[in-house]
C-alpha cells in the first residue's frame, strides 16, 4: 500500500481511499499530500458526514457577507483555501444527492460561486476522497450519482483492515504505548505475552480500536509492564465484544439462541495427517481432511457450532477458538471454509 501511495502521490490524479472505519484513511491522505509536488501548499480536510447540507455548502464554497442570517463577513471555503494544494473530503459517501450535483460541477470545471455570490471563482486543488461505504451498491440503488462516482474513483486505494495485517499490530501497539508514556510521564513497557494477546484479537474498529485498547490497558495497569492478564478480553470485559453481541443477535434468525460451546476432548483420537499437511491446516471438528461430519452428536452442523462459538465470544476470533478447543489458525480456516461473515464496522 505504501508503495502505491508513493507512485500515486507524484501525479495530480483524484484518489478515492476505501476501507473500514479506523484503518487510517486520513493519515494516508496526508501522506499522499506530503509526498506530492503540492507538499508546500495547504492540506485542507473536511468531514462531510459531520455537517448538514447547508453548512457543508458554506464550508466548501464559502459565503458572501449577508448571504444568510449570521453571515456577518465574507468567508472563504475549503476549495478556495486549498487552492494549489490538496483537499481531503472524508466520508464523501454521506453527502446528499442534491449536493452531489454541486460537488460534481466543481470537480469537473474547477470553478464555483460562494453562497450568496455571483462571481465565479477558479480553483486548482488535488482532490482526495474517502469512504467506508460500498459506493457501487449506493450507485445501483440510486443513492449516489454514477457520474460523481466515476469522477472521484479515478485511482481507488483499498486500505486493508488491521486483522489482515497482523504484523502491524506489535509496531502500532508499541507506538501507542510510547505516546501514552510521553503524555502521562510514565515508563510502561509491553511484554511479549501482551503483544501475543493483541495479535490474536479481531479489532473490528481497526487501528482506532487498537489505540483505545492500549491506552485503556495502560491506564489500568498494575505494574511497570503490560501483561496478557491486564487486557479486558482476558477478563471477559472486552468492550468491542460487548458492542457487537447485540447487533449480531438482532441479525440472527428467529429462535436462535447462542449456547456455550463445549471444548473438544483432548483424548479424542485424531487420525494422522497426510504427508505435507499439519493438524493446524484442518478445519474445526474434522478428524481428518475430507471426513468432516455434516452434523455433530447434538444435531448441529459444524457451521452452526462455529457461529454459536463466535456469538458467545462476542465475535472475538481468538476467544471463540479457545471455546472450541482450537488454535486461532484452525478457527480462521473453519470460518473461511464455511464462508461465515464477520460483523464489521
Protein backbone atom coordinates (compact mmCIF):
# COMPACT_ATOMS: atom_id res chain seq x y z
CA UNK A 1 0.00 0.00 0.00
CA UNK A 2 2.79 2.43 0.85
CA UNK A 3 4.47 1.65 -2.47
CA UNK A 4 1.23 2.51 -4.27
CA UNK A 5 0.94 5.75 -2.32
CA UNK A 6 4.45 6.79 -3.36
CA UNK A 7 3.59 6.18 -7.01
CA UNK A 8 0.17 7.85 -6.96
CA UNK A 9 1.44 10.85 -4.98
CA UNK A 10 3.59 12.00 -7.90
CA UNK A 11 0.54 12.66 -10.08
CA UNK A 12 -2.35 15.13 -9.86
CA UNK A 13 -4.93 12.36 -10.13
CA UNK A 14 -8.01 12.22 -7.89
CA UNK A 15 -7.76 9.41 -5.33
CA UNK A 16 -10.54 7.55 -3.51
CA UNK A 17 -9.47 5.86 -0.28
CA UNK A 18 -11.64 2.85 0.56
CA UNK A 19 -11.67 0.87 3.77
CA UNK A 20 -13.35 0.19 7.07
CA UNK A 21 -13.61 2.82 9.77
CA UNK A 22 -10.41 3.18 11.74
CA UNK A 23 -7.97 1.96 9.07
CA UNK A 24 -6.21 5.35 8.84
CA UNK A 25 -7.63 6.89 5.69
CA UNK A 26 -6.88 10.44 6.85
CA UNK A 27 -3.24 9.54 7.54
CA UNK A 28 -2.90 8.05 4.08
CA UNK A 29 -4.43 11.19 2.57
CA UNK A 30 -1.88 13.31 4.41
CA UNK A 31 0.90 11.01 3.20
CA UNK A 32 -0.30 11.43 -0.39
CA UNK A 33 -0.09 15.20 0.04
CA UNK A 34 3.31 15.24 1.72
CA UNK A 35 4.86 13.05 -0.99
CA UNK A 36 3.31 15.07 -3.84
CA UNK A 37 4.59 18.15 -5.71
CA UNK A 38 1.94 20.10 -3.76
CA UNK A 39 3.54 19.38 -0.37
CA UNK A 40 4.41 23.06 0.24
CA UNK A 41 0.80 24.15 -0.43
CA UNK A 42 -2.12 23.76 2.02
CA UNK A 43 -3.59 20.41 3.02
CA UNK A 44 -7.23 21.11 3.86
CA UNK A 45 -9.59 18.46 5.23
CA UNK A 46 -13.32 18.24 5.92
CA UNK A 47 -15.57 15.51 7.31
CA UNK A 48 -18.67 15.55 5.10
CA UNK A 49 -20.73 13.37 7.45
CA UNK A 50 -20.48 15.81 10.35
CA UNK A 51 -22.30 18.69 8.61
CA UNK A 52 -25.76 19.37 7.25
CA UNK A 53 -26.14 20.14 3.56
CA UNK A 54 -26.46 23.92 4.03
CA UNK A 55 -23.46 24.10 6.37
CA UNK A 56 -21.44 21.80 4.09
CA UNK A 57 -22.04 24.11 1.12
CA UNK A 58 -20.83 27.11 3.09
CA UNK A 59 -17.80 25.20 4.39
CA UNK A 60 -16.71 24.04 0.95
CA UNK A 61 -17.60 27.03 -1.20
CA UNK A 62 -17.57 29.88 1.33
CA UNK A 63 -20.17 32.63 1.57
CA UNK A 64 -20.56 36.35 0.96
CA UNK A 65 -21.35 38.83 3.67
CA UNK A 66 -25.11 38.87 4.31
CA UNK A 67 -25.74 35.66 2.36
CA UNK A 68 -27.79 34.32 5.27
CA UNK A 69 -28.54 35.06 8.89
CA UNK A 70 -25.28 35.12 10.81
CA UNK A 71 -23.08 35.74 7.74
CA UNK A 72 -21.53 38.92 9.12
CA UNK A 73 -18.42 38.78 6.92
CA UNK A 74 -17.09 37.21 3.75
CA UNK A 75 -15.72 33.72 4.36
CA UNK A 76 -13.56 31.62 2.07
CA UNK A 77 -14.49 27.96 1.64
CA UNK A 78 -12.27 24.91 1.76
CA UNK A 79 -11.91 24.77 -2.03
CA UNK A 80 -10.59 28.31 -2.01
CA UNK A 81 -8.32 27.74 0.99
CA UNK A 82 -6.84 24.61 -0.62
CA UNK A 83 -6.02 26.36 -3.92
CA UNK A 84 -2.72 24.97 -5.18
CA UNK A 85 -2.77 22.20 -2.59
CA UNK A 86 -4.83 19.17 -1.58
CA UNK A 87 -8.42 18.92 -0.37
CA UNK A 88 -9.37 15.81 1.60
CA UNK A 89 -13.09 15.03 1.81
CA UNK A 90 -13.74 12.33 4.38
CA UNK A 91 -16.98 10.28 4.39
CA UNK A 92 -17.89 11.52 0.92
CA UNK A 93 -20.46 8.73 0.62
CA UNK A 94 -22.67 10.51 3.17
CA UNK A 95 -23.44 13.67 1.16
CA UNK A 96 -26.97 14.18 -0.16
CA UNK A 97 -27.90 13.63 -3.84
CA UNK A 98 -28.62 17.35 -4.26
CA UNK A 99 -25.20 18.36 -3.00
CA UNK A 100 -23.55 15.66 -5.10
CA UNK A 101 -24.56 17.61 -8.22
CA UNK A 102 -22.96 20.79 -6.87
CA UNK A 103 -19.78 18.98 -5.97
CA UNK A 104 -19.62 17.34 -9.40
CA UNK A 105 -19.53 20.73 -11.14
CA UNK A 106 -16.58 21.92 -9.06
CA UNK A 107 -14.63 18.73 -9.72
CA UNK A 108 -15.35 18.83 -13.46
CA UNK A 109 -14.96 22.56 -14.14
CA UNK A 110 -12.67 23.64 -11.32
CA UNK A 111 -14.91 26.62 -10.55
CA UNK A 112 -17.67 27.58 -8.14
CA UNK A 113 -19.55 30.53 -6.61
CA UNK A 114 -19.67 31.39 -2.94
CA UNK A 115 -23.05 31.07 -1.23
CA UNK A 116 -24.91 34.32 -1.92
CA UNK A 117 -22.40 35.41 -4.55
CA UNK A 118 -22.42 35.70 -8.34
CA UNK A 119 -18.68 35.83 -9.04
CA UNK A 120 -17.21 32.61 -10.44
CA UNK A 121 -14.03 31.57 -8.66
CA UNK A 122 -11.42 29.30 -10.22
CA UNK A 123 -9.61 26.81 -8.05
CA UNK A 124 -6.78 24.33 -8.55
CA UNK A 125 -6.91 21.54 -5.99
CA UNK A 126 -5.93 17.91 -5.90
CA UNK A 127 -8.95 16.04 -4.51
CA UNK A 128 -8.62 13.04 -2.21
CA UNK A 129 -11.88 11.47 -1.02
CA UNK A 130 -12.51 8.69 1.48
CA UNK A 131 -15.42 6.47 2.40
CA UNK A 132 -16.19 3.25 4.25
CA UNK A 133 -19.42 2.75 2.30
CA UNK A 134 -19.92 0.42 -0.64
CA UNK A 135 -20.33 3.11 -3.29
CA UNK A 136 -21.06 0.59 -6.03
CA UNK A 137 -24.15 -0.60 -4.16
CA UNK A 138 -25.11 3.02 -3.43
CA UNK A 139 -24.90 3.82 -7.15
CA UNK A 140 -27.00 0.76 -8.00
CA UNK A 141 -29.67 1.87 -5.51
CA UNK A 142 -29.65 5.43 -6.85
CA UNK A 143 -28.29 6.88 -3.62
CA UNK A 144 -25.03 8.08 -5.16
CA UNK A 145 -24.59 9.67 -8.58
CA UNK A 146 -22.76 7.46 -11.05
CA UNK A 147 -21.10 10.44 -12.75
CA UNK A 148 -19.70 11.68 -9.44
CA UNK A 149 -18.55 8.15 -8.60
CA UNK A 150 -16.51 7.97 -11.80
CA UNK A 151 -15.03 11.42 -11.10
CA UNK A 152 -13.76 10.62 -7.61
CA UNK A 153 -12.81 6.97 -8.15
CA UNK A 154 -10.06 7.55 -10.69
CA UNK A 155 -7.47 5.79 -8.55
CA UNK A 156 -9.14 3.75 -5.77
CA UNK A 157 -6.86 2.60 -2.96
CA UNK A 158 -8.23 -0.11 -0.67
CA UNK A 159 -6.82 0.07 2.86
CA UNK A 160 -6.77 -3.41 4.41
CA UNK A 161 -8.34 -3.90 7.85
CA UNK A 162 -5.99 -4.44 10.76
CA UNK A 163 -6.91 -8.13 11.05
CA UNK A 164 -5.47 -8.68 7.54
CA UNK A 165 -2.10 -7.17 8.53
CA UNK A 166 -1.39 -8.68 11.96
CA UNK A 167 2.34 -7.96 11.67
CA UNK A 168 1.48 -4.25 12.04
CA UNK A 169 -0.18 -4.78 15.43
CA UNK A 170 3.00 -5.04 17.60
CA UNK A 171 4.55 -1.97 15.94
CA UNK A 172 1.39 0.08 16.34
CA UNK A 173 0.86 -1.08 19.92
CA UNK A 174 4.40 -0.06 20.92
CA UNK A 175 3.95 3.32 19.22
CA UNK A 176 0.66 3.98 21.02
CA UNK A 177 2.23 2.99 24.36
CA UNK A 178 5.16 5.30 23.64
CA UNK A 179 2.76 8.19 23.02
CA UNK A 180 0.89 7.34 26.22
CA UNK A 181 4.15 7.40 28.19
CA UNK A 182 5.10 10.79 26.72
CA UNK A 183 1.71 12.29 27.54
CA UNK A 184 1.49 10.94 31.09
CA UNK A 185 5.11 10.89 32.21
CA UNK A 186 5.15 7.11 32.66
CA UNK A 187 7.64 4.44 31.58
CA UNK A 188 5.39 1.47 30.92
CA UNK A 189 6.60 -1.36 28.69
CA UNK A 190 4.84 -4.23 26.95
CA UNK A 191 5.63 -7.91 27.40
CA UNK A 192 5.69 -10.48 24.62
CA UNK A 193 2.61 -12.06 26.21
CA UNK A 194 0.73 -8.77 25.88
CA UNK A 195 1.69 -8.46 22.22
CA UNK A 196 0.54 -12.03 21.64
CA UNK A 197 -2.87 -11.21 23.13
CA UNK A 198 -3.23 -8.16 20.89
CA UNK A 199 -2.17 -10.04 17.77
CA UNK A 200 -4.90 -12.62 18.39
CA UNK A 201 -7.70 -10.05 18.61
CA UNK A 202 -10.12 -9.28 15.79
CA UNK A 203 -10.30 -5.47 16.18
CA UNK A 204 -13.47 -4.57 14.24
CA UNK A 205 -12.61 -0.93 14.97
CA UNK A 206 -9.17 -1.42 13.42
CA UNK A 207 -6.28 0.90 14.36
CA UNK A 208 -8.54 3.28 16.25
CA UNK A 209 -9.75 0.44 18.47
CA UNK A 210 -6.21 -0.85 19.00
CA UNK A 211 -5.13 2.58 20.25
CA UNK A 212 -8.16 2.68 22.56
CA UNK A 213 -7.30 -0.78 23.89
CA UNK A 214 -3.64 0.09 24.57
CA UNK A 215 -4.49 3.36 26.31
CA UNK A 216 -7.21 1.78 28.45
CA UNK A 217 -4.94 -1.08 29.50
CA UNK A 218 -2.04 1.27 30.23
CA UNK A 219 -4.29 3.45 32.38
CA UNK A 220 -5.42 0.50 34.49
CA UNK A 221 -2.10 -1.39 34.54
CA UNK A 222 -0.98 -2.76 37.91
CA UNK A 223 2.75 -2.97 37.21
CA UNK A 224 5.54 -1.40 35.17
CA UNK A 225 4.83 -3.68 32.19
CA UNK A 226 1.61 -4.62 30.43
CA UNK A 227 0.94 -8.37 30.57
CA UNK A 228 -1.73 -10.53 29.00
CA UNK A 229 -3.77 -10.51 32.23
CA UNK A 230 -4.11 -6.72 32.07
CA UNK A 231 -6.27 -6.75 28.94
CA UNK A 232 -10.06 -6.63 29.19
CA UNK A 233 -10.52 -9.55 26.82
CA UNK A 234 -8.74 -11.81 29.33
CA UNK A 235 -11.27 -10.77 31.98
CA UNK A 236 -14.43 -11.09 29.86
CA UNK A 237 -14.71 -7.31 29.75
CA UNK A 238 -13.85 -6.63 26.11
CA UNK A 239 -15.87 -3.57 25.14
CA UNK A 240 -15.73 -4.45 21.45
CA UNK A 241 -17.20 -7.89 22.09
CA UNK A 242 -20.00 -6.38 24.18
CA UNK A 243 -20.67 -3.82 21.45
CA UNK A 244 -21.07 -6.37 18.68
CA UNK A 245 -23.01 -9.06 20.53
CA UNK A 246 -26.26 -7.10 20.28
CA UNK A 247 -26.15 -6.35 16.52
CA UNK A 248 -25.34 -9.95 15.71
CA UNK A 249 -28.20 -11.23 17.87
CA UNK A 250 -30.60 -8.86 16.13
CA UNK A 251 -29.49 -10.24 12.79
CA UNK A 252 -29.82 -13.86 13.90
CA UNK A 253 -32.75 -15.94 12.65
CA UNK A 254 -35.86 -16.33 14.78
CA UNK A 255 -35.49 -18.84 17.57
CA UNK A 256 -31.69 -18.76 17.51
CA UNK A 257 -30.21 -18.89 21.00
CA UNK A 258 -26.43 -18.78 21.46
CA UNK A 259 -25.26 -21.74 23.50
CA UNK A 260 -21.99 -22.42 25.32
CA UNK A 261 -19.60 -24.43 23.17
CA UNK A 262 -18.00 -27.33 24.96
CA UNK A 263 -14.28 -27.60 24.24
CA UNK A 264 -13.18 -30.68 22.33
CA UNK A 265 -11.91 -33.55 24.44
CA UNK A 266 -8.13 -33.72 24.40
CA UNK A 267 -8.35 -37.54 24.48
CA UNK A 268 -10.31 -37.74 21.23
CA UNK A 269 -8.29 -39.83 18.76
CA UNK A 270 -7.08 -37.85 15.77
CA UNK A 271 -6.14 -39.52 12.53
CA UNK A 272 -2.67 -38.86 11.23
CA UNK A 273 -2.42 -36.08 8.69
CA UNK A 274 -1.40 -36.91 5.14
CA UNK A 275 2.10 -36.06 4.14
CA UNK A 276 2.70 -32.33 3.83
CA UNK A 277 -0.35 -31.35 5.90
CA UNK A 278 -0.48 -30.43 9.58
CA UNK A 279 -3.31 -30.58 12.05
CA UNK A 280 -3.36 -26.78 12.05
CA UNK A 281 -4.48 -26.89 8.40
CA UNK A 282 -7.64 -28.81 9.18
CA UNK A 283 -10.98 -27.19 9.73
CA UNK A 284 -12.62 -27.24 13.14
CA UNK A 285 -14.01 -30.57 14.31
CA UNK A 286 -12.51 -32.64 11.47
CA UNK A 287 -10.60 -35.78 12.47
CA UNK A 288 -9.06 -35.82 9.02
CA UNK A 289 -9.36 -33.80 5.80
CA UNK A 290 -12.41 -34.75 3.80
CA UNK A 291 -14.03 -36.59 6.73
CA UNK A 292 -15.98 -33.79 8.43
CA UNK A 293 -19.36 -34.97 9.69
CA UNK A 294 -22.34 -32.99 8.42
CA UNK A 295 -23.80 -32.85 11.92
CA UNK A 296 -22.40 -33.35 15.39
CA UNK A 297 -23.86 -35.50 18.14
CA UNK A 298 -26.03 -32.63 19.31
CA UNK A 299 -27.65 -32.36 15.88
CA UNK A 300 -25.89 -29.12 14.94
CA UNK A 301 -23.80 -28.72 11.85
CA UNK A 302 -20.20 -27.61 12.06
CA UNK A 303 -21.17 -24.20 10.68
CA UNK A 304 -23.84 -23.74 13.37
CA UNK A 305 -21.35 -24.61 16.11
CA UNK A 306 -18.86 -22.12 14.70
CA UNK A 307 -21.47 -19.36 14.59
CA UNK A 308 -22.52 -20.13 18.16
CA UNK A 309 -18.93 -20.02 19.35
CA UNK A 310 -18.33 -16.68 17.64
CA UNK A 311 -21.57 -15.29 19.09
CA UNK A 312 -20.69 -16.48 22.58
CA UNK A 313 -17.24 -14.88 22.26
CA UNK A 314 -18.67 -11.60 21.03
CA UNK A 315 -17.09 -12.23 17.61
CA UNK A 316 -13.59 -12.22 19.03
CA UNK A 317 -11.99 -14.92 16.93
CA UNK A 318 -9.20 -15.86 19.36
CA UNK A 319 -11.67 -16.25 22.21
CA UNK A 320 -14.02 -18.36 20.08
CA UNK A 321 -11.09 -20.60 19.19
CA UNK A 322 -10.42 -21.21 22.89
CA UNK A 323 -14.09 -22.05 23.47
CA UNK A 324 -13.96 -24.71 20.78
CA UNK A 325 -10.55 -26.00 21.83
CA UNK A 326 -8.94 -24.89 18.58
CA UNK A 327 -5.97 -22.80 17.60
CA UNK A 328 -6.65 -19.37 16.04
CA UNK A 329 -5.32 -20.77 12.77
CA UNK A 330 -7.82 -23.64 12.81
CA UNK A 331 -10.62 -21.22 13.66
CA UNK A 332 -9.73 -18.92 10.79
CA UNK A 333 -9.58 -21.88 8.42
CA UNK A 334 -13.03 -23.08 9.52
CA UNK A 335 -14.62 -19.63 9.17
CA UNK A 336 -13.24 -19.25 5.65
CA UNK A 337 -14.29 -22.78 4.70
CA UNK A 338 -17.91 -22.19 5.70
CA UNK A 339 -17.90 -18.61 4.38
CA UNK A 340 -19.08 -17.24 7.74
CA UNK A 341 -19.22 -13.43 7.53
CA UNK A 342 -17.71 -11.46 10.41
CA UNK A 343 -19.56 -8.41 11.64
CA UNK A 344 -17.60 -5.34 10.61
CA UNK A 345 -17.83 -1.60 11.06
